[in-house]
């Protein structure tokens, strides 16, 4: 039981995007239509008020709509950014199982509405059987696909970490160009208080409640400044400096001061100069981090 719990709570990337969702819905919808076209019998068609092509089209469209409702509509209404960032293999599995139930329900509802002779008892029995077999048959391939995808992502991220560390070693071995001072002045939420610092000495900032901790890489030490300012406002005021990046909702870092990276599909972190803190990279920002890092 402990092993199963450990597997189900493993972090898993939330990979759903509008473009991907539409592609999945269309592909599965066409697949369902194709399966019905090849397998539906005339004796089955006799119970419906429409011909074969209409019935097949309804099966494909209903499946497509069901998929979009579950993996596109539901997350927009219910899933916060924090839920997506804390996505797990168990949540992925439950979402797909729920998707199978919704598809079975919608298809039964549509076909019940176009059946010549119906009875509520027959419909209820047929619906329960459809949901039962959809979950029973679909759960095994769903679990296998999630496990396979998890393994692929794990290996890909480990390879990426090794690649980034090699790039960092190469970067650190080269002489560092001294950059001229670039002072920035940002008004805080306290009246008459100004946050002033050299952007090239900026190491990272961390949001702590209503306050912001800003860390500067000074010649002799790491300097800490605490002020009343939101991380979002700081990021907005510094957006012209492309080497600054927010890898997590609570952090803004200077990409030029990264000395190492670590982690895999379960977590990903970066280490900055002269600090012991490992800063997490949100799974939803991993691709953006890759782009910023390589540039």
C-alpha atoms as a PDB file:
ATOM      1  CA  UNK A   1       0.000   0.000   0.000  1.00  0.00           C
ATOM      2  CA  UNK A   2       2.852   2.401   0.831  1.00  0.00           C
ATOM      3  CA  UNK A   3       4.473   1.680  -2.529  1.00  0.00           C
ATOM      4  CA  UNK A   4       1.239   2.430  -4.386  1.00  0.00           C
ATOM      5  CA  UNK A   5       0.809   5.678  -2.443  1.00  0.00           C
ATOM      6  CA  UNK A   6       4.393   6.674  -3.277  1.00  0.00           C
ATOM      7  CA  UNK A   7       3.800   6.030  -6.982  1.00  0.00           C
ATOM      8  CA  UNK A   8       0.510   7.957  -7.064  1.00  0.00           C
ATOM      9  CA  UNK A   9       2.014  10.992  -5.294  1.00  0.00           C
ATOM     10  CA  UNK A  10       5.033  11.302  -7.592  1.00  0.00           C
ATOM     11  CA  UNK A  11       5.222  14.733  -9.218  1.00  0.00           C
ATOM     12  CA  UNK A  12       4.079  14.605 -12.829  1.00  0.00           C
ATOM     13  CA  UNK A  13       4.208  17.428 -15.388  1.00  0.00           C
ATOM     14  CA  UNK A  14       0.906  19.043 -16.278  1.00  0.00           C
ATOM     15  CA  UNK A  15       1.235  18.781 -20.051  1.00  0.00           C
ATOM     16  CA  UNK A  16      -2.204  19.929 -21.143  1.00  0.00           C
ATOM     17  CA  UNK A  17      -2.352  23.038 -23.345  1.00  0.00           C
ATOM     18  CA  UNK A  18      -5.154  24.337 -25.575  1.00  0.00           C
ATOM     19  CA  UNK A  19      -3.394  23.358 -28.795  1.00  0.00           C
ATOM     20  CA  UNK A  20      -2.490  19.916 -27.476  1.00  0.00           C
ATOM     21  CA  UNK A  21      -5.999  19.389 -26.107  1.00  0.00           C
ATOM     22  CA  UNK A  22      -7.609  20.212 -29.468  1.00  0.00           C
ATOM     23  CA  UNK A  23      -5.219  17.875 -31.285  1.00  0.00           C
ATOM     24  CA  UNK A  24      -5.961  15.052 -28.818  1.00  0.00           C
ATOM     25  CA  UNK A  25      -9.734  15.624 -29.072  1.00  0.00           C
ATOM     26  CA  UNK A  26      -9.701  15.611 -32.876  1.00  0.00           C
ATOM     27  CA  UNK A  27      -7.432  12.573 -33.087  1.00  0.00           C
ATOM     28  CA  UNK A  28      -9.458  10.493 -30.616  1.00  0.00           C
ATOM     29  CA  UNK A  29     -12.737  11.664 -32.157  1.00  0.00           C
ATOM     30  CA  UNK A  30     -11.589  10.534 -35.610  1.00  0.00           C
ATOM     31  CA  UNK A  31     -10.329   7.256 -34.138  1.00  0.00           C
ATOM     32  CA  UNK A  32     -13.712   6.555 -32.523  1.00  0.00           C
ATOM     33  CA  UNK A  33     -15.501   7.419 -35.771  1.00  0.00           C
ATOM     34  CA  UNK A  34     -13.173   5.090 -37.681  1.00  0.00           C
ATOM     35  CA  UNK A  35     -13.697   2.225 -35.238  1.00  0.00           C
ATOM     36  CA  UNK A  36     -17.477   2.647 -35.480  1.00  0.00           C
ATOM     37  CA  UNK A  37     -17.329   2.815 -39.265  1.00  0.00           C
ATOM     38  CA  UNK A  38     -15.417  -0.468 -39.421  1.00  0.00           C
ATOM     39  CA  UNK A  39     -17.274  -2.316 -36.675  1.00  0.00           C
ATOM     40  CA  UNK A  40     -20.863  -1.131 -36.549  1.00  0.00           C
ATOM     41  CA  UNK A  41     -23.404  -3.659 -37.866  1.00  0.00           C
ATOM     42  CA  UNK A  42     -26.611  -3.012 -39.782  1.00  0.00           C
ATOM     43  CA  UNK A  43     -28.619  -4.729 -37.032  1.00  0.00           C
ATOM     44  CA  UNK A  44     -27.269  -2.145 -34.604  1.00  0.00           C
ATOM     45  CA  UNK A  45     -28.161   0.729 -36.936  1.00  0.00           C
ATOM     46  CA  UNK A  46     -31.766  -0.412 -37.191  1.00  0.00           C
ATOM     47  CA  UNK A  47     -32.492   0.843 -33.664  1.00  0.00           C
ATOM     48  CA  UNK A  48     -31.467   4.431 -34.526  1.00  0.00           C
ATOM     49  CA  UNK A  49     -33.442   7.127 -36.339  1.00  0.00           C
ATOM     50  CA  UNK A  50     -30.476   8.110 -38.513  1.00  0.00           C
ATOM     51  CA  UNK A  51     -28.228   6.431 -41.062  1.00  0.00           C
ATOM     52  CA  UNK A  52     -24.735   5.007 -40.595  1.00  0.00           C
ATOM     53  CA  UNK A  53     -22.713   8.137 -41.442  1.00  0.00           C
ATOM     54  CA  UNK A  54     -24.755  10.312 -39.083  1.00  0.00           C
ATOM     55  CA  UNK A  55     -24.421   7.831 -36.229  1.00  0.00           C
ATOM     56  CA  UNK A  56     -20.666   7.543 -36.814  1.00  0.00           C
ATOM     57  CA  UNK A  57     -20.265  11.332 -36.973  1.00  0.00           C
ATOM     58  CA  UNK A  58     -22.208  11.734 -33.727  1.00  0.00           C
ATOM     59  CA  UNK A  59     -19.923   9.209 -32.003  1.00  0.00           C
ATOM     60  CA  UNK A  60     -16.805  11.091 -33.123  1.00  0.00           C
ATOM     61  CA  UNK A  61     -18.133  14.577 -32.341  1.00  0.00           C
ATOM     62  CA  UNK A  62     -19.500  13.541 -28.925  1.00  0.00           C
ATOM     63  CA  UNK A  63     -16.158  11.998 -27.977  1.00  0.00           C
ATOM     64  CA  UNK A  64     -14.308  15.110 -29.150  1.00  0.00           C
ATOM     65  CA  UNK A  65     -16.611  17.396 -27.133  1.00  0.00           C
ATOM     66  CA  UNK A  66     -16.254  15.192 -24.037  1.00  0.00           C
ATOM     67  CA  UNK A  67     -12.472  15.353 -24.202  1.00  0.00           C
ATOM     68  CA  UNK A  68     -12.465  19.148 -24.555  1.00  0.00           C
ATOM     69  CA  UNK A  69     -14.892  19.508 -21.647  1.00  0.00           C
ATOM     70  CA  UNK A  70     -12.674  17.475 -19.311  1.00  0.00           C
ATOM     71  CA  UNK A  71      -9.119  18.448 -20.280  1.00  0.00           C
ATOM     72  CA  UNK A  72      -9.772  22.013 -21.467  1.00  0.00           C
ATOM     73  CA  UNK A  73     -12.948  23.306 -19.814  1.00  0.00           C
ATOM     74  CA  UNK A  74     -12.641  21.680 -16.384  1.00  0.00           C
ATOM     75  CA  UNK A  75      -9.046  22.874 -15.687  1.00  0.00           C
ATOM     76  CA  UNK A  76      -9.967  26.439 -16.668  1.00  0.00           C
ATOM     77  CA  UNK A  77     -12.855  26.476 -14.209  1.00  0.00           C
ATOM     78  CA  UNK A  78     -11.426  24.416 -11.342  1.00  0.00           C
ATOM     79  CA  UNK A  79      -7.630  24.029 -11.515  1.00  0.00           C
ATOM     80  CA  UNK A  80      -5.568  26.860 -10.071  1.00  0.00           C
ATOM     81  CA  UNK A  81      -1.948  27.434 -11.043  1.00  0.00           C
ATOM     82  CA  UNK A  82      -0.903  25.829  -7.759  1.00  0.00           C
ATOM     83  CA  UNK A  83      -2.875  22.668  -8.584  1.00  0.00           C
ATOM     84  CA  UNK A  84      -1.111  22.420 -11.948  1.00  0.00           C
ATOM     85  CA  UNK A  85       2.301  22.989 -10.356  1.00  0.00           C
ATOM     86  CA  UNK A  86       1.589  20.216  -7.833  1.00  0.00           C
ATOM     87  CA  UNK A  87       0.261  17.756 -10.387  1.00  0.00           C
ATOM     88  CA  UNK A  88       0.967  14.071  -9.680  1.00  0.00           C
ATOM     89  CA  UNK A  89       0.723  10.711 -11.414  1.00  0.00           C
ATOM     90  CA  UNK A  90      -2.364   9.927  -9.304  1.00  0.00           C
ATOM     91  CA  UNK A  91      -4.131  13.117 -10.393  1.00  0.00           C
ATOM     92  CA  UNK A  92      -3.254  12.393 -14.019  1.00  0.00           C
ATOM     93  CA  UNK A  93      -4.692   8.883 -13.710  1.00  0.00           C
ATOM     94  CA  UNK A  94      -7.905  10.103 -12.038  1.00  0.00           C
ATOM     95  CA  UNK A  95      -8.385  12.809 -14.674  1.00  0.00           C
ATOM     96  CA  UNK A  96      -8.114  10.265 -17.502  1.00  0.00           C
ATOM     97  CA  UNK A  97     -10.495   7.849 -15.741  1.00  0.00           C
ATOM     98  CA  UNK A  98     -12.966  10.711 -15.245  1.00  0.00           C
ATOM     99  CA  UNK A  99     -12.565  11.492 -18.955  1.00  0.00           C
ATOM    100  CA  UNK A 100     -13.518   7.898 -19.836  1.00  0.00           C
ATOM    101  CA  UNK A 101     -16.631   8.170 -17.652  1.00  0.00           C
ATOM    102  CA  UNK A 102     -17.669  11.472 -19.262  1.00  0.00           C
ATOM    103  CA  UNK A 103     -17.179  10.092 -22.783  1.00  0.00           C
ATOM    104  CA  UNK A 104     -19.239   6.997 -21.942  1.00  0.00           C
ATOM    105  CA  UNK A 105     -21.992   9.128 -20.386  1.00  0.00           C
ATOM    106  CA  UNK A 106     -22.199  11.615 -23.278  1.00  0.00           C
ATOM    107  CA  UNK A 107     -22.197   8.932 -25.962  1.00  0.00           C
ATOM    108  CA  UNK A 108     -24.947   7.044 -24.153  1.00  0.00           C
ATOM    109  CA  UNK A 109     -26.952  10.254 -23.748  1.00  0.00           C
ATOM    110  CA  UNK A 110     -26.665  11.074 -27.471  1.00  0.00           C
ATOM    111  CA  UNK A 111     -27.462   7.563 -28.680  1.00  0.00           C
ATOM    112  CA  UNK A 112     -30.364   7.266 -26.263  1.00  0.00           C
ATOM    113  CA  UNK A 113     -31.806  10.464 -27.767  1.00  0.00           C
ATOM    114  CA  UNK A 114     -31.702   9.041 -31.329  1.00  0.00           C
ATOM    115  CA  UNK A 115     -32.936   5.536 -30.456  1.00  0.00           C
ATOM    116  CA  UNK A 116     -36.344   4.610 -31.886  1.00  0.00           C
ATOM    117  CA  UNK A 117     -37.675   2.738 -28.833  1.00  0.00           C
ATOM    118  CA  UNK A 118     -36.281   3.640 -25.419  1.00  0.00           C
ATOM    119  CA  UNK A 119     -36.907   2.821 -21.811  1.00  0.00           C
ATOM    120  CA  UNK A 120     -35.313   4.441 -18.781  1.00  0.00           C
ATOM    121  CA  UNK A 121     -34.452   1.023 -17.330  1.00  0.00           C
ATOM    122  CA  UNK A 122     -32.665  -0.102 -20.480  1.00  0.00           C
ATOM    123  CA  UNK A 123     -30.801   3.213 -20.679  1.00  0.00           C
ATOM    124  CA  UNK A 124     -29.676   3.072 -17.038  1.00  0.00           C
ATOM    125  CA  UNK A 125     -28.411  -0.484 -17.406  1.00  0.00           C
ATOM    126  CA  UNK A 126     -26.641   0.329 -20.656  1.00  0.00           C
ATOM    127  CA  UNK A 127     -25.070   3.464 -19.175  1.00  0.00           C
ATOM    128  CA  UNK A 128     -23.735   1.658 -16.111  1.00  0.00           C
ATOM    129  CA  UNK A 129     -22.343  -1.161 -18.262  1.00  0.00           C
ATOM    130  CA  UNK A 130     -20.689   1.332 -20.622  1.00  0.00           C
ATOM    131  CA  UNK A 131     -19.038   3.234 -17.768  1.00  0.00           C
ATOM    132  CA  UNK A 132     -17.950  -0.006 -16.123  1.00  0.00           C
ATOM    133  CA  UNK A 133     -16.284  -1.373 -19.244  1.00  0.00           C
ATOM    134  CA  UNK A 134     -14.810   2.023 -20.207  1.00  0.00           C
ATOM    135  CA  UNK A 135     -13.076   2.299 -16.834  1.00  0.00           C
ATOM    136  CA  UNK A 136     -12.173  -1.386 -16.667  1.00  0.00           C
ATOM    137  CA  UNK A 137     -10.723  -1.530 -20.178  1.00  0.00           C
ATOM    138  CA  UNK A 138      -9.264   1.984 -20.202  1.00  0.00           C
ATOM    139  CA  UNK A 139      -7.545   1.964 -16.800  1.00  0.00           C
ATOM    140  CA  UNK A 140      -4.789  -0.493 -17.732  1.00  0.00           C
ATOM    141  CA  UNK A 141      -3.563   1.310 -20.904  1.00  0.00           C
ATOM    142  CA  UNK A 142      -3.943   4.637 -19.082  1.00  0.00           C
ATOM    143  CA  UNK A 143      -1.657   3.472 -16.257  1.00  0.00           C
ATOM    144  CA  UNK A 144       0.865   2.084 -18.769  1.00  0.00           C
ATOM    145  CA  UNK A 145       0.914   5.285 -20.816  1.00  0.00           C
ATOM    146  CA  UNK A 146       1.392   7.455 -17.711  1.00  0.00           C
ATOM    147  CA  UNK A 147       4.214   5.210 -16.473  1.00  0.00           C
ATOM    148  CA  UNK A 148       5.890   5.219 -19.917  1.00  0.00           C
ATOM    149  CA  UNK A 149       5.548   8.984 -20.244  1.00  0.00           C
ATOM    150  CA  UNK A 150       6.921   9.475 -16.717  1.00  0.00           C
ATOM    151  CA  UNK A 151       9.956   7.330 -17.551  1.00  0.00           C
ATOM    152  CA  UNK A 152      10.604   9.238 -20.798  1.00  0.00           C
ATOM    153  CA  UNK A 153      10.323  12.615 -19.049  1.00  0.00           C
ATOM    154  CA  UNK A 154      12.597  11.430 -16.232  1.00  0.00           C
ATOM    155  CA  UNK A 155      15.329  10.381 -18.667  1.00  0.00           C
ATOM    156  CA  UNK A 156      14.937  13.504 -20.790  1.00  0.00           C
ATOM    157  CA  UNK A 157      15.204  15.803 -17.767  1.00  0.00           C
ATOM    158  CA  UNK A 158      18.239  13.957 -16.403  1.00  0.00           C
ATOM    159  CA  UNK A 159      19.916  14.395 -19.801  1.00  0.00           C
ATOM    160  CA  UNK A 160      18.967  18.088 -19.760  1.00  0.00           C
ATOM    161  CA  UNK A 161      20.453  18.544 -16.267  1.00  0.00           C
ATOM    162  CA  UNK A 162      23.736  16.953 -17.383  1.00  0.00           C
ATOM    163  CA  UNK A 163      23.789  19.147 -20.484  1.00  0.00           C
ATOM    164  CA  UNK A 164      23.143  22.321 -18.464  1.00  0.00           C
ATOM    165  CA  UNK A 165      25.863  21.474 -15.967  1.00  0.00           C
ATOM    166  CA  UNK A 166      28.356  20.944 -18.802  1.00  0.00           C
ATOM    167  CA  UNK A 167      27.407  24.348 -20.209  1.00  0.00           C
ATOM    168  CA  UNK A 168      27.821  25.891 -16.767  1.00  0.00           C
ATOM    169  CA  UNK A 169      31.254  24.352 -16.298  1.00  0.00           C
ATOM    170  CA  UNK A 170      32.278  25.718 -19.684  1.00  0.00           C
ATOM    171  CA  UNK A 171      30.868  29.136 -18.825  1.00  0.00           C
ATOM    172  CA  UNK A 172      32.578  29.241 -15.408  1.00  0.00           C
ATOM    173  CA  UNK A 173      35.926  28.276 -16.909  1.00  0.00           C
ATOM    174  CA  UNK A 174      35.966  31.378 -19.093  1.00  0.00           C
ATOM    175  CA  UNK A 175      37.074  34.818 -17.887  1.00  0.00           C
ATOM    176  CA  UNK A 176      34.191  36.917 -16.601  1.00  0.00           C
ATOM    177  CA  UNK A 177      33.662  40.238 -18.375  1.00  0.00           C
ATOM    178  CA  UNK A 178      33.291  43.090 -15.929  1.00  0.00           C
ATOM    179  CA  UNK A 179      30.041  44.919 -16.601  1.00  0.00           C
ATOM    180  CA  UNK A 180      29.567  48.586 -15.911  1.00  0.00           C
ATOM    181  CA  UNK A 181      27.285  49.442 -13.039  1.00  0.00           C
ATOM    182  CA  UNK A 182      23.589  49.553 -13.917  1.00  0.00           C
ATOM    183  CA  UNK A 183      21.617  51.103 -11.080  1.00  0.00           C
ATOM    184  CA  UNK A 184      17.864  50.683 -10.887  1.00  0.00           C
ATOM    185  CA  UNK A 185      15.526  52.560  -8.546  1.00  0.00           C
ATOM    186  CA  UNK A 186      12.156  51.010  -7.731  1.00  0.00           C
ATOM    187  CA  UNK A 187       9.564  52.643  -5.431  1.00  0.00           C
ATOM    188  CA  UNK A 188       8.282  50.255  -2.751  1.00  0.00           C
ATOM    189  CA  UNK A 189       4.867  50.169  -1.081  1.00  0.00           C
ATOM    190  CA  UNK A 190       6.267  52.193   1.820  1.00  0.00           C
ATOM    191  CA  UNK A 191       5.980  55.931   1.327  1.00  0.00           C
ATOM    192  CA  UNK A 192       9.278  57.628   0.331  1.00  0.00           C
ATOM    193  CA  UNK A 193      11.125  54.271   0.286  1.00  0.00           C
ATOM    194  CA  UNK A 194      13.160  53.422  -2.834  1.00  0.00           C
ATOM    195  CA  UNK A 195      14.784  50.068  -3.570  1.00  0.00           C
ATOM    196  CA  UNK A 196      18.093  50.855  -5.289  1.00  0.00           C
ATOM    197  CA  UNK A 197      20.659  48.333  -6.507  1.00  0.00           C
ATOM    198  CA  UNK A 198      23.019  47.378  -9.320  1.00  0.00           C
ATOM    199  CA  UNK A 199      21.067  44.979 -11.531  1.00  0.00           C
ATOM    200  CA  UNK A 200      24.248  43.039 -12.385  1.00  0.00           C
ATOM    201  CA  UNK A 201      24.840  42.382  -8.685  1.00  0.00           C
ATOM    202  CA  UNK A 202      21.263  41.187  -8.251  1.00  0.00           C
ATOM    203  CA  UNK A 203      21.328  37.523  -7.215  1.00  0.00           C
ATOM    204  CA  UNK A 204      17.716  36.626  -6.518  1.00  0.00           C
ATOM    205  CA  UNK A 205      14.526  37.846  -4.871  1.00  0.00           C
ATOM    206  CA  UNK A 206      12.127  35.828  -2.775  1.00  0.00           C
ATOM    207  CA  UNK A 207       8.536  36.659  -1.894  1.00  0.00           C
ATOM    208  CA  UNK A 208       7.710  36.253   1.799  1.00  0.00           C
ATOM    209  CA  UNK A 209       4.115  37.234   2.543  1.00  0.00           C
ATOM    210  CA  UNK A 210       3.766  41.003   2.073  1.00  0.00           C
ATOM    211  CA  UNK A 211       7.519  41.461   1.953  1.00  0.00           C
ATOM    212  CA  UNK A 212      10.241  40.824  -0.576  1.00  0.00           C
ATOM    213  CA  UNK A 213      13.745  39.617   0.242  1.00  0.00           C
ATOM    214  CA  UNK A 214      16.300  40.819  -2.302  1.00  0.00           C
ATOM    215  CA  UNK A 215      19.784  39.289  -2.304  1.00  0.00           C
ATOM    216  CA  UNK A 216      22.773  41.080  -3.836  1.00  0.00           C
ATOM    217  CA  UNK A 217      26.142  39.541  -4.714  1.00  0.00           C
ATOM    218  CA  UNK A 218      28.634  41.983  -3.191  1.00  0.00           C
ATOM    219  CA  UNK A 219      32.454  41.648  -3.384  1.00  0.00           C
ATOM    220  CA  UNK A 220      32.763  40.362   0.194  1.00  0.00           C
ATOM    221  CA  UNK A 221      29.329  38.985   1.012  1.00  0.00           C
ATOM    222  CA  UNK A 222      25.746  38.397  -0.057  1.00  0.00           C
ATOM    223  CA  UNK A 223      23.675  41.394   1.017  1.00  0.00           C
ATOM    224  CA  UNK A 224      20.000  40.943   2.004  1.00  0.00           C
ATOM    225  CA  UNK A 225      17.449  43.726   1.608  1.00  0.00           C
ATOM    226  CA  UNK A 226      13.880  43.437   2.905  1.00  0.00           C
ATOM    227  CA  UNK A 227      11.156  45.737   1.551  1.00  0.00           C
ATOM    228  CA  UNK A 228       7.424  45.945   0.990  1.00  0.00           C
ATOM    229  CA  UNK A 229       7.130  45.115  -2.694  1.00  0.00           C
ATOM    230  CA  UNK A 230       5.472  42.373  -4.700  1.00  0.00           C
ATOM    231  CA  UNK A 231       7.579  39.981  -6.753  1.00  0.00           C
ATOM    232  CA  UNK A 232       5.344  40.661  -9.753  1.00  0.00           C
ATOM    233  CA  UNK A 233       6.025  44.400  -9.534  1.00  0.00           C
ATOM    234  CA  UNK A 234       9.767  43.814  -9.274  1.00  0.00           C
ATOM    235  CA  UNK A 235       9.694  41.490 -12.297  1.00  0.00           C
ATOM    236  CA  UNK A 236       7.681  44.050 -14.278  1.00  0.00           C
ATOM    237  CA  UNK A 237      10.101  46.883 -13.456  1.00  0.00           C
ATOM    238  CA  UNK A 238      13.067  44.689 -14.489  1.00  0.00           C
ATOM    239  CA  UNK A 239      11.528  43.025 -17.555  1.00  0.00           C
ATOM    240  CA  UNK A 240      13.987  44.726 -19.948  1.00  0.00           C
ATOM    241  CA  UNK A 241      16.801  42.648 -18.414  1.00  0.00           C
ATOM    242  CA  UNK A 242      16.349  39.328 -20.199  1.00  0.00           C
ATOM    243  CA  UNK A 243      18.851  37.509 -17.968  1.00  0.00           C
ATOM    244  CA  UNK A 244      16.401  37.819 -15.062  1.00  0.00           C
ATOM    245  CA  UNK A 245      13.857  35.019 -14.893  1.00  0.00           C
ATOM    246  CA  UNK A 246      11.076  33.898 -12.553  1.00  0.00           C
ATOM    247  CA  UNK A 247      11.362  30.089 -12.278  1.00  0.00           C
ATOM    248  CA  UNK A 248       8.703  29.893  -9.567  1.00  0.00           C
ATOM    249  CA  UNK A 249       5.873  32.101  -8.304  1.00  0.00           C
ATOM    250  CA  UNK A 250       7.989  33.006  -5.237  1.00  0.00           C
ATOM    251  CA  UNK A 251      11.369  33.691  -6.912  1.00  0.00           C
ATOM    252  CA  UNK A 252      13.126  35.938  -9.420  1.00  0.00           C
ATOM    253  CA  UNK A 253      16.714  34.965 -10.241  1.00  0.00           C
ATOM    254  CA  UNK A 254      19.706  36.233 -12.201  1.00  0.00           C
ATOM    255  CA  UNK A 255      20.457  33.503 -14.767  1.00  0.00           C
ATOM    256  CA  UNK A 256      24.061  34.719 -15.028  1.00  0.00           C
ATOM    257  CA  UNK A 257      24.741  33.670 -11.430  1.00  0.00           C
ATOM    258  CA  UNK A 258      23.633  30.038 -11.761  1.00  0.00           C
ATOM    259  CA  UNK A 259      26.466  27.664 -10.855  1.00  0.00           C
ATOM    260  CA  UNK A 260      24.683  24.294 -10.997  1.00  0.00           C
ATOM    261  CA  UNK A 261      21.371  22.578 -11.675  1.00  0.00           C
ATOM    262  CA  UNK A 262      19.903  19.401 -10.236  1.00  0.00           C
ATOM    263  CA  UNK A 263      16.760  17.319 -10.293  1.00  0.00           C
ATOM    264  CA  UNK A 264      14.685  15.290 -12.692  1.00  0.00           C
ATOM    265  CA  UNK A 265      11.008  14.794 -13.512  1.00  0.00           C
ATOM    266  CA  UNK A 266      10.223  14.852  -9.780  1.00  0.00           C
ATOM    267  CA  UNK A 267      11.842  18.227  -9.122  1.00  0.00           C
ATOM    268  CA  UNK A 268      14.237  20.673 -10.718  1.00  0.00           C
ATOM    269  CA  UNK A 269      16.408  23.187  -8.884  1.00  0.00           C
ATOM    270  CA  UNK A 270      19.157  25.703  -9.522  1.00  0.00           C
ATOM    271  CA  UNK A 271      22.055  26.754  -7.311  1.00  0.00           C
ATOM    272  CA  UNK A 272      23.306  30.358  -7.337  1.00  0.00           C
ATOM    273  CA  UNK A 273      26.686  31.806  -6.396  1.00  0.00           C
ATOM    274  CA  UNK A 274      27.603  32.003  -2.712  1.00  0.00           C
ATOM    275  CA  UNK A 275      24.212  30.904  -1.341  1.00  0.00           C
ATOM    276  CA  UNK A 276      23.076  27.573   0.078  1.00  0.00           C
ATOM    277  CA  UNK A 277      19.473  27.943  -1.075  1.00  0.00           C
ATOM    278  CA  UNK A 278      18.359  25.687  -3.929  1.00  0.00           C
ATOM    279  CA  UNK A 279      15.723  27.536  -5.946  1.00  0.00           C
ATOM    280  CA  UNK A 280      12.942  25.409  -7.477  1.00  0.00           C
ATOM    281  CA  UNK A 281      11.925  25.609 -11.111  1.00  0.00           C
ATOM    282  CA  UNK A 282       8.184  25.177 -11.460  1.00  0.00           C
ATOM    283  CA  UNK A 283       7.178  22.361 -13.789  1.00  0.00           C
ATOM    284  CA  UNK A 284       4.914  24.754 -15.665  1.00  0.00           C
ATOM    285  CA  UNK A 285       7.915  27.042 -16.319  1.00  0.00           C
ATOM    286  CA  UNK A 286      10.442  24.363 -17.212  1.00  0.00           C
ATOM    287  CA  UNK A 287      10.256  24.939 -20.982  1.00  0.00           C
ATOM    288  CA  UNK A 288      10.543  28.714 -20.534  1.00  0.00           C
ATOM    289  CA  UNK A 289      13.560  28.130 -18.255  1.00  0.00           C
ATOM    290  CA  UNK A 290      15.191  26.009 -20.965  1.00  0.00           C
ATOM    291  CA  UNK A 291      14.797  28.823 -23.477  1.00  0.00           C
ATOM    292  CA  UNK A 292      16.071  31.496 -21.089  1.00  0.00           C
ATOM    293  CA  UNK A 293      19.009  29.336 -20.023  1.00  0.00           C
ATOM    294  CA  UNK A 294      20.153  28.590 -23.570  1.00  0.00           C
ATOM    295  CA  UNK A 295      19.970  32.271 -24.500  1.00  0.00           C
END
